[in-house]
Amino acid sequence: FFSMIPKIATGIASLVKDL
């Protein structure tokens, strides 16, 4: 589970940049 956190965090960060 914790190994997926970096990927999710990166995905959210990229989405925030688009806003």
PDB file of N, CA and C in Angstrom:
ATOM      1  N   PHE A   1       0.849  -1.213   0.000  1.00  0.00           N
ATOM      2  CA  PHE A   1       0.000   0.000   0.000  1.00  0.00           C
ATOM      3  C   PHE A   1       0.875   1.249   0.000  1.00  0.00           C
ATOM      4  N   PHE A   2       1.841   1.287   0.906  1.00  0.00           N
ATOM      5  CA  PHE A   2       2.677   2.496   1.029  1.00  0.00           C
ATOM      6  C   PHE A   2       3.497   2.728  -0.237  1.00  0.00           C
ATOM      7  N   SER A   3       3.781   1.665  -0.969  1.00  0.00           N
ATOM      8  CA  SER A   3       4.560   1.833  -2.202  1.00  0.00           C
ATOM      9  C   SER A   3       3.758   2.566  -3.264  1.00  0.00           C
ATOM     10  N   MET A   4       2.434   2.609  -3.100  1.00  0.00           N
ATOM     11  CA  MET A   4       1.585   3.288  -4.086  1.00  0.00           C
ATOM     12  C   MET A   4       1.432   4.774  -3.769  1.00  0.00           C
ATOM     13  N   ILE A   5       1.736   5.158  -2.524  1.00  0.00           N
ATOM     14  CA  ILE A   5       1.549   6.560  -2.118  1.00  0.00           C
ATOM     15  C   ILE A   5       2.354   7.524  -3.005  1.00  0.00           C
ATOM     16  N   PRO A   6       3.635   7.271  -3.269  1.00  0.00           N
ATOM     17  CA  PRO A   6       4.414   8.189  -4.124  1.00  0.00           C
ATOM     18  C   PRO A   6       3.753   8.396  -5.486  1.00  0.00           C
ATOM     19  N   LYS A   7       3.240   7.320  -6.071  1.00  0.00           N
ATOM     20  CA  LYS A   7       2.595   7.443  -7.389  1.00  0.00           C
ATOM     21  C   LYS A   7       1.343   8.297  -7.288  1.00  0.00           C
ATOM     22  N   ILE A   8       0.545   8.077  -6.246  1.00  0.00           N
ATOM     23  CA  ILE A   8      -0.689   8.851  -6.068  1.00  0.00           C
ATOM     24  C   ILE A   8      -0.357  10.311  -5.806  1.00  0.00           C
ATOM     25  N   ALA A   9       0.634  10.545  -4.953  1.00  0.00           N
ATOM     26  CA  ALA A   9       1.024  11.925  -4.621  1.00  0.00           C
ATOM     27  C   ALA A   9       1.496  12.644  -5.878  1.00  0.00           C
ATOM     28  N   THR A  10       2.265  11.949  -6.708  1.00  0.00           N
ATOM     29  CA  THR A  10       2.740  12.564  -7.957  1.00  0.00           C
ATOM     30  C   THR A  10       1.575  12.870  -8.884  1.00  0.00           C
ATOM     31  N   GLY A  11       0.615  11.971  -8.933  1.00  0.00           N
ATOM     32  CA  GLY A  11      -0.560  12.178  -9.786  1.00  0.00           C
ATOM     33  C   GLY A  11      -1.355  13.380  -9.319  1.00  0.00           C
ATOM     34  N   ILE A  12      -1.553  13.501  -8.007  1.00  0.00           N
ATOM     35  CA  ILE A  12      -2.305  14.644  -7.473  1.00  0.00           C
ATOM     36  C   ILE A  12      -1.541  15.940  -7.740  1.00  0.00           C
ATOM     37  N   ALA A  13      -0.230  15.909  -7.541  1.00  0.00           N
ATOM     38  CA  ALA A  13       0.590  17.108  -7.754  1.00  0.00           C
ATOM     39  C   ALA A  13       0.469  17.570  -9.202  1.00  0.00           C
ATOM     40  N   SER A  14       0.479  16.616 -10.143  1.00  0.00           N
ATOM     41  CA  SER A  14       0.363  16.983 -11.559  1.00  0.00           C
ATOM     42  C   SER A  14      -1.011  17.570 -11.851  1.00  0.00           C
ATOM     43  N   LEU A  15      -2.036  17.040 -11.193  1.00  0.00           N
ATOM     44  CA  LEU A  15      -3.394  17.560 -11.417  1.00  0.00           C
ATOM     45  C   LEU A  15      -3.503  18.980 -10.871  1.00  0.00           C
ATOM     46  N   VAL A  16      -2.887  19.227  -9.721  1.00  0.00           N
ATOM     47  CA  VAL A  16      -2.948  20.563  -9.118  1.00  0.00           C
ATOM     48  C   VAL A  16      -2.235  21.576 -10.017  1.00  0.00           C
ATOM     49  N   LYS A  17      -1.137  21.139 -10.638  1.00  0.00           N
ATOM     50  CA  LYS A  17      -0.401  22.055 -11.528  1.00  0.00           C
ATOM     51  C   LYS A  17      -1.283  22.481 -12.700  1.00  0.00           C
ATOM     52  N   ASP A  18      -2.107  21.566 -13.187  1.00  0.00           N
ATOM     53  CA  ASP A  18      -2.972  21.875 -14.341  1.00  0.00           C
ATOM     54  C   ASP A  18      -4.040  22.896 -13.979  1.00  0.00           C
ATOM     55  N   LEU A  19      -4.394  22.976 -12.701  1.00  0.00           N
ATOM     56  CA  LEU A  19      -5.464  23.910 -12.312  1.00  0.00           C
ATOM     57  C   LEU A  19      -4.974  25.346 -12.368  1.00  0.00           C
TER      58      LEU A  19
END
